[in-house]
C-alpha atoms as a PDB file:
ATOM      1  CA  MET A   1       0.000   0.000   0.000  1.00  0.00           C
ATOM      2  CA  LYS A   2       1.287   3.453  -0.896  1.00  0.00           C
ATOM      3  CA  ASP A   3       2.105   5.969   1.827  1.00  0.00           C
ATOM      4  CA  LYS A   4       0.126   9.189   1.809  1.00  0.00           C
ATOM      5  CA  ILE A   5       1.249  12.741   2.465  1.00  0.00           C
ATOM      6  CA  ILE A   6      -1.475  15.358   2.798  1.00  0.00           C
ATOM      7  CA  VAL A   7      -0.493  18.730   1.370  1.00  0.00           C
ATOM      8  CA  ALA A   8      -2.130  21.611   3.251  1.00  0.00           C
ATOM      9  CA  THR A   9      -3.223  23.513   0.147  1.00  0.00           C
ATOM     10  CA  GLY A  10      -6.154  23.727  -2.205  1.00  0.00           C
ATOM     11  CA  ASN A  11      -3.970  25.286  -4.905  1.00  0.00           C
ATOM     12  CA  GLU A  12      -3.711  22.944  -7.903  1.00  0.00           C
ATOM     13  CA  GLY A  13      -0.666  24.790  -9.271  1.00  0.00           C
ATOM     14  CA  LYS A  14       1.234  24.056  -6.055  1.00  0.00           C
ATOM     15  CA  MET A  15       0.068  20.423  -6.056  1.00  0.00           C
ATOM     16  CA  LYS A  16       1.424  19.999  -9.567  1.00  0.00           C
ATOM     17  CA  GLU A  17       4.850  21.401  -8.587  1.00  0.00           C
ATOM     18  CA  ILE A  18       4.974  19.216  -5.464  1.00  0.00           C
ATOM     19  CA  ARG A  19       4.086  16.055  -7.405  1.00  0.00           C
ATOM     20  CA  GLN A  20       6.694  16.874 -10.070  1.00  0.00           C
ATOM     21  CA  ILE A  21       9.507  17.420  -7.554  1.00  0.00           C
ATOM     22  CA  LEU A  22       8.681  15.022  -4.715  1.00  0.00           C
ATOM     23  CA  GLY A  23       6.662  12.461  -6.638  1.00  0.00           C
ATOM     24  CA  GLY A  24       7.737   8.915  -6.053  1.00  0.00           C
ATOM     25  CA  GLU A  25       6.104   5.602  -6.826  1.00  0.00           C
ATOM     26  CA  ASN A  26       5.561   4.911  -3.124  1.00  0.00           C
ATOM     27  CA  ILE A  27       3.737   8.112  -2.190  1.00  0.00           C
ATOM     28  CA  ILE A  28       0.315   9.576  -2.888  1.00  0.00           C
ATOM     29  CA  PHE A  29       0.052  13.355  -2.470  1.00  0.00           C
ATOM     30  CA  SER A  30      -3.414  14.381  -1.406  1.00  0.00           C
ATOM     31  CA  SER A  31      -4.686  18.001  -1.319  1.00  0.00           C
ATOM     32  CA  LEU A  32      -7.076  19.499   1.230  1.00  0.00           C
ATOM     33  CA  LYS A  33      -9.746  19.266  -1.468  1.00  0.00           C
ATOM     34  CA  ASP A  34      -9.026  15.550  -1.962  1.00  0.00           C
ATOM     35  CA  GLU A  35      -9.418  15.070   1.802  1.00  0.00           C
ATOM     36  CA  ASN A  36     -12.554  17.235   1.985  1.00  0.00           C
ATOM     37  CA  LEU A  37     -10.746  19.572   4.374  1.00  0.00           C
ATOM     38  CA  GLN A  38     -10.775  22.729   2.239  1.00  0.00           C
ATOM     39  CA  ASP A  39     -13.103  24.485   4.687  1.00  0.00           C
ATOM     40  CA  VAL A  40     -10.931  23.953   7.770  1.00  0.00           C
ATOM     41  CA  GLU A  41     -10.080  27.328   9.258  1.00  0.00           C
ATOM     42  CA  ILE A  42      -6.356  27.794   9.848  1.00  0.00           C
ATOM     43  CA  ILE A  43      -5.291  30.989  11.581  1.00  0.00           C
ATOM     44  CA  GLU A  44      -1.872  31.883  10.197  1.00  0.00           C
ATOM     45  CA  ASP A  45      -0.715  34.178  12.973  1.00  0.00           C
ATOM     46  CA  GLY A  46       2.998  33.450  12.720  1.00  0.00           C
ATOM     47  CA  THR A  47       5.474  36.269  12.169  1.00  0.00           C
ATOM     48  CA  THR A  48       7.633  34.370   9.639  1.00  0.00           C
ATOM     49  CA  PHE A  49       7.022  32.168   6.609  1.00  0.00           C
ATOM     50  CA  GLU A  50       8.397  29.187   8.567  1.00  0.00           C
ATOM     51  CA  GLU A  51       6.052  29.705  11.542  1.00  0.00           C
ATOM     52  CA  ASN A  52       3.021  29.887   9.246  1.00  0.00           C
ATOM     53  CA  ALA A  53       4.047  26.734   7.341  1.00  0.00           C
ATOM     54  CA  VAL A  54       4.365  24.827  10.645  1.00  0.00           C
ATOM     55  CA  ILE A  55       0.988  26.164  11.897  1.00  0.00           C
ATOM     56  CA  LYS A  56      -0.751  24.895   8.730  1.00  0.00           C
ATOM     57  CA  ALA A  57       0.919  21.479   8.733  1.00  0.00           C
ATOM     58  CA  LYS A  58       0.335  20.906  12.472  1.00  0.00           C
ATOM     59  CA  LYS A  59      -3.347  21.793  12.296  1.00  0.00           C
ATOM     60  CA  ILE A  60      -4.059  19.334   9.465  1.00  0.00           C
ATOM     61  CA  SER A  61      -1.849  16.623  11.007  1.00  0.00           C
ATOM     62  CA  GLU A  62      -3.702  16.918  14.330  1.00  0.00           C
ATOM     63  CA  LEU A  63      -7.035  16.586  12.508  1.00  0.00           C
ATOM     64  CA  THR A  64      -6.038  13.599  10.371  1.00  0.00           C
ATOM     65  CA  GLY A  65      -3.244  11.807  12.239  1.00  0.00           C
ATOM     66  CA  GLN A  66      -1.320  11.791   8.930  1.00  0.00           C
ATOM     67  CA  MET A  67       1.977  13.144   7.681  1.00  0.00           C
ATOM     68  CA  VAL A  68       1.329  16.670   6.357  1.00  0.00           C
ATOM     69  CA  LEU A  69       3.350  18.980   4.149  1.00  0.00           C
ATOM     70  CA  ALA A  70       2.651  22.728   4.074  1.00  0.00           C
ATOM     71  CA  ASP A  71       4.367  25.755   2.673  1.00  0.00           C
ATOM     72  CA  ASP A  72       4.147  29.453   3.230  1.00  0.00           C
ATOM     73  CA  SER A  73       5.603  31.629   0.568  1.00  0.00           C
ATOM     74  CA  GLY A  74       5.561  35.163  -0.646  1.00  0.00           C
ATOM     75  CA  LEU A  75       7.225  38.103  -2.271  1.00  0.00           C
ATOM     76  CA  GLU A  76       9.483  40.567  -0.457  1.00  0.00           C
ATOM     77  CA  VAL A  77      10.018  43.913  -2.218  1.00  0.00           C
ATOM     78  CA  ASP A  78      12.914  45.823  -0.630  1.00  0.00           C
ATOM     79  CA  TYR A  79      11.681  49.263  -1.713  1.00  0.00           C
ATOM     80  CA  LEU A  80       8.365  48.541   0.073  1.00  0.00           C
ATOM     81  CA  ASP A  81      10.083  47.486   3.339  1.00  0.00           C
ATOM     82  CA  LYS A  82       9.800  43.817   2.312  1.00  0.00           C
ATOM     83  CA  ALA A  83       6.027  44.030   1.752  1.00  0.00           C
ATOM     84  CA  PRO A  84       3.862  42.146   0.932  1.00  0.00           C
ATOM     85  CA  GLY A  85       5.965  39.462   2.696  1.00  0.00           C
ATOM     86  CA  ILE A  86       3.977  37.004   4.838  1.00  0.00           C
ATOM     87  CA  TYR A  87       0.808  38.804   3.768  1.00  0.00           C
ATOM     88  CA  SER A  88       1.409  38.086   0.049  1.00  0.00           C
ATOM     89  CA  ALA A  89      -1.733  35.952  -0.378  1.00  0.00           C
ATOM     90  CA  ARG A  90      -3.883  38.411   1.558  1.00  0.00           C
ATOM     91  CA  TYR A  91      -2.304  41.588   0.151  1.00  0.00           C
ATOM     92  CA  LEU A  92      -5.015  44.156  -0.748  1.00  0.00           C
ATOM     93  CA  GLY A  93      -7.632  41.615   0.408  1.00  0.00           C
ATOM     94  CA  GLU A  94      -7.897  37.841   0.025  1.00  0.00           C
ATOM     95  CA  ASP A  95     -10.192  37.942  -2.988  1.00  0.00           C
ATOM     96  CA  THR A  96      -8.203  40.561  -4.889  1.00  0.00           C
ATOM     97  CA  SER A  97      -6.874  39.235  -8.206  1.00  0.00           C
ATOM     98  CA  TYR A  98      -3.128  39.008  -8.737  1.00  0.00           C
ATOM     99  CA  LYS A  99      -3.475  41.249 -11.769  1.00  0.00           C
ATOM    100  CA  VAL A 100      -4.659  44.016  -9.405  1.00  0.00           C
ATOM    101  CA  LYS A 101      -1.945  43.195  -6.827  1.00  0.00           C
ATOM    102  CA  ASN A 102       0.789  43.113  -9.484  1.00  0.00           C
ATOM    103  CA  ASN A 103      -0.265  46.409 -11.031  1.00  0.00           C
ATOM    104  CA  HIS A 104      -0.467  48.001  -7.579  1.00  0.00           C
ATOM    105  CA  ILE A 105       3.148  47.012  -6.838  1.00  0.00           C
ATOM    106  CA  ILE A 106       4.319  48.249 -10.268  1.00  0.00           C
ATOM    107  CA  LYS A 107       2.575  51.579  -9.634  1.00  0.00           C
ATOM    108  CA  GLN A 108       4.232  51.949  -6.220  1.00  0.00           C
ATOM    109  CA  LEU A 109       7.629  51.507  -7.884  1.00  0.00           C
ATOM    110  CA  GLU A 110       6.941  54.016 -10.657  1.00  0.00           C
ATOM    111  CA  GLY A 111      10.100  55.976 -11.418  1.00  0.00           C
ATOM    112  CA  VAL A 112      12.257  53.721  -9.197  1.00  0.00           C
ATOM    113  CA  GLU A 113      15.473  52.724 -10.973  1.00  0.00           C
ATOM    114  CA  ASP A 114      16.485  49.104 -11.605  1.00  0.00           C
ATOM    115  CA  GLU A 115      18.976  48.731  -8.756  1.00  0.00           C
ATOM    116  CA  LYS A 116      16.357  49.759  -6.194  1.00  0.00           C
ATOM    117  CA  ARG A 117      13.699  47.342  -7.525  1.00  0.00           C
ATOM    118  CA  THR A 118      15.287  44.323  -5.803  1.00  0.00           C
ATOM    119  CA  ALA A 119      12.953  41.629  -4.532  1.00  0.00           C
ATOM    120  CA  ARG A 120      12.884  37.956  -3.680  1.00  0.00           C
ATOM    121  CA  PHE A 121      10.499  35.063  -3.503  1.00  0.00           C
ATOM    122  CA  VAL A 122      10.764  33.127  -0.239  1.00  0.00           C
ATOM    123  CA  CYS A 123       9.273  29.717   0.473  1.00  0.00           C
ATOM    124  CA  ALA A 124       9.317  27.893   3.812  1.00  0.00           C
ATOM    125  CA  MET A 125       8.235  24.261   3.773  1.00  0.00           C
ATOM    126  CA  ALA A 126       7.220  22.246   6.828  1.00  0.00           C
ATOM    127  CA  CYS A 127       6.579  18.531   7.142  1.00  0.00           C
ATOM    128  CA  VAL A 128       4.818  17.403  10.314  1.00  0.00           C
ATOM    129  CA  PHE A 129       4.769  13.725  11.272  1.00  0.00           C
ATOM    130  CA  PRO A 130       1.965  12.021  13.213  1.00  0.00           C
ATOM    131  CA  ASP A 131       4.226  11.856  16.288  1.00  0.00           C
ATOM    132  CA  GLY A 132       4.610  15.647  16.235  1.00  0.00           C
ATOM    133  CA  GLN A 133       8.124  15.784  14.741  1.00  0.00           C
ATOM    134  CA  VAL A 134       8.703  18.703  12.370  1.00  0.00           C
ATOM    135  CA  ILE A 135      11.144  19.162   9.483  1.00  0.00           C
ATOM    136  CA  THR A 136      11.483  22.554   7.782  1.00  0.00           C
ATOM    137  CA  THR A 137      13.310  23.806   4.700  1.00  0.00           C
ATOM    138  CA  LYS A 138      13.600  27.184   2.996  1.00  0.00           C
ATOM    139  CA  GLY A 139      14.167  28.324  -0.569  1.00  0.00           C
ATOM    140  CA  VAL A 140      14.858  31.811  -1.948  1.00  0.00           C
ATOM    141  CA  ILE A 141      15.193  33.255  -5.443  1.00  0.00           C
ATOM    142  CA  GLU A 142      16.482  36.813  -5.912  1.00  0.00           C
ATOM    143  CA  GLY A 143      15.265  39.131  -8.638  1.00  0.00           C
ATOM    144  CA  ARG A 144      13.696  42.506  -9.401  1.00  0.00           C
ATOM    145  CA  ILE A 145      10.238  43.908  -9.935  1.00  0.00           C
ATOM    146  CA  GLY A 146       9.574  44.386 -13.635  1.00  0.00           C
ATOM    147  CA  TYR A 147       7.782  47.299 -15.295  1.00  0.00           C
ATOM    148  CA  GLU A 148       4.820  45.296 -16.602  1.00  0.00           C
ATOM    149  CA  GLU A 149       3.350  41.799 -16.370  1.00  0.00           C
ATOM    150  CA  LYS A 150       5.057  39.300 -18.677  1.00  0.00           C
ATOM    151  CA  GLY A 151       4.568  35.565 -19.194  1.00  0.00           C
ATOM    152  CA  GLU A 152       1.755  33.043 -18.919  1.00  0.00           C
ATOM    153  CA  ASN A 153       3.329  30.166 -16.982  1.00  0.00           C
ATOM    154  CA  GLY A 154       3.445  31.386 -13.433  1.00  0.00           C
ATOM    155  CA  LEU A 155       1.267  31.783 -10.397  1.00  0.00           C
ATOM    156  CA  GLY A 156       0.593  34.931  -8.405  1.00  0.00           C
ATOM    157  CA  TYR A 157       3.385  37.479  -8.609  1.00  0.00           C
ATOM    158  CA  ASP A 158       5.450  35.539 -11.207  1.00  0.00           C
ATOM    159  CA  PRO A 159       4.585  37.880 -14.128  1.00  0.00           C
ATOM    160  CA  ILE A 160       6.249  40.884 -12.413  1.00  0.00           C
ATOM    161  CA  PHE A 161       9.240  39.009 -10.907  1.00  0.00           C
ATOM    162  CA  TYR A 162      12.157  39.527 -13.282  1.00  0.00           C
ATOM    163  CA  VAL A 163      15.286  37.388 -12.847  1.00  0.00           C
ATOM    164  CA  PRO A 164      18.321  39.104 -14.444  1.00  0.00           C
ATOM    165  CA  GLU A 165      20.301  35.857 -14.830  1.00  0.00           C
ATOM    166  CA  PHE A 166      17.541  34.437 -17.066  1.00  0.00           C
ATOM    167  CA  GLY A 167      16.594  37.741 -18.710  1.00  0.00           C
ATOM    168  CA  CYS A 168      12.890  37.088 -18.134  1.00  0.00           C
ATOM    169  CA  THR A 169      10.190  36.822 -15.467  1.00  0.00           C
ATOM    170  CA  THR A 170       9.513  33.564 -13.641  1.00  0.00           C
ATOM    171  CA  ALA A 171       6.187  33.446 -15.519  1.00  0.00           C
ATOM    172  CA  GLU A 172       8.177  33.226 -18.781  1.00  0.00           C
ATOM    173  CA  LEU A 173      10.132  30.138 -17.664  1.00  0.00           C
ATOM    174  CA  SER A 174       8.884  26.669 -18.585  1.00  0.00           C
ATOM    175  CA  PRO A 175       7.473  24.678 -15.631  1.00  0.00           C
ATOM    176  CA  GLU A 176      10.563  22.430 -15.742  1.00  0.00           C
ATOM    177  CA  GLU A 177      12.974  25.392 -15.661  1.00  0.00           C
ATOM    178  CA  LYS A 178      10.988  27.066 -12.907  1.00  0.00           C
ATOM    179  CA  ASN A 179      10.964  23.950 -10.705  1.00  0.00           C
ATOM    180  CA  LYS A 180      14.778  23.897 -10.797  1.00  0.00           C
ATOM    181  CA  VAL A 181      15.266  27.498  -9.700  1.00  0.00           C
ATOM    182  CA  SER A 182      12.125  28.732  -7.958  1.00  0.00           C
ATOM    183  CA  HIS A 183      11.898  29.373  -4.225  1.00  0.00           C
ATOM    184  CA  ARG A 184       9.386  26.522  -3.884  1.00  0.00           C
ATOM    185  CA  GLY A 185      11.493  24.282  -6.128  1.00  0.00           C
ATOM    186  CA  ARG A 186      14.541  24.884  -3.937  1.00  0.00           C
ATOM    187  CA  ALA A 187      12.646  24.320  -0.678  1.00  0.00           C
ATOM    188  CA  LEU A 188      11.074  21.151  -2.103  1.00  0.00           C
ATOM    189  CA  THR A 189      14.405  19.794  -3.378  1.00  0.00           C
ATOM    190  CA  GLU A 190      15.854  20.183   0.112  1.00  0.00           C
ATOM    191  CA  MET A 191      12.721  18.579   1.593  1.00  0.00           C
ATOM    192  CA  TYR A 192      13.074  15.694  -0.876  1.00  0.00           C
ATOM    193  CA  ASP A 193      16.628  15.065   0.396  1.00  0.00           C
ATOM    194  CA  LYS A 194      15.508  15.150   4.042  1.00  0.00           C
ATOM    195  CA  LEU A 195      12.560  12.813   3.482  1.00  0.00           C
ATOM    196  CA  LYS A 196      14.704  10.485   1.357  1.00  0.00           C
ATOM    197  CA  LYS A 197      17.188  10.160   4.231  1.00  0.00           C
ATOM    198  CA  ARG A 198      14.304   9.041   6.445  1.00  0.00           C
ATOM    199  CA  GLY A 199      13.331   6.423   3.868  1.00  0.00           C
ATOM    200  CA  ILE A 200       9.996   8.064   3.140  1.00  0.00           C
ATOM    201  CA  LEU A 201      10.440   8.775  -0.573  1.00  0.00           C
END
């Protein structure tokens, strides 16, 4: 029988990335939707990405008694004092589209020169075991805020996150390229190594 890891997300884009990077023949990755847990209220009151990832994973693990993987990720824009940061998903309101959020950030950086448009994507990943043990990893990708949205491949803030070394936004990278270099890809690769050492993957 295959082992199961519940992923504390309802986001299909994230599920796809997780299955691509962590996917093994011995593991089934199940989303909150798959588990009928999408309506569980989780209060993310941590002050860091890592704290929020652990809060999410612990809550779902306590409810299910299963191994749970959760991430908390976001965009830090230096010129905006690292906003939106841990509030990235809720920035300008939870139901606000990313097109509106992206254009708002671009507008706030109007007239700001390239070298002051520095930003990064940060992802903290937490895996909570049924016995309460916790493993965490972190991934970061550095870049700049672009001047307009570009690219169709990304999620969220990807269309405005320009990476000088690639000469494009993360939304212009192919899913395979993005998985190798993205903040979530890096955090997941490290998580893969840690879980592999424990004989889980």
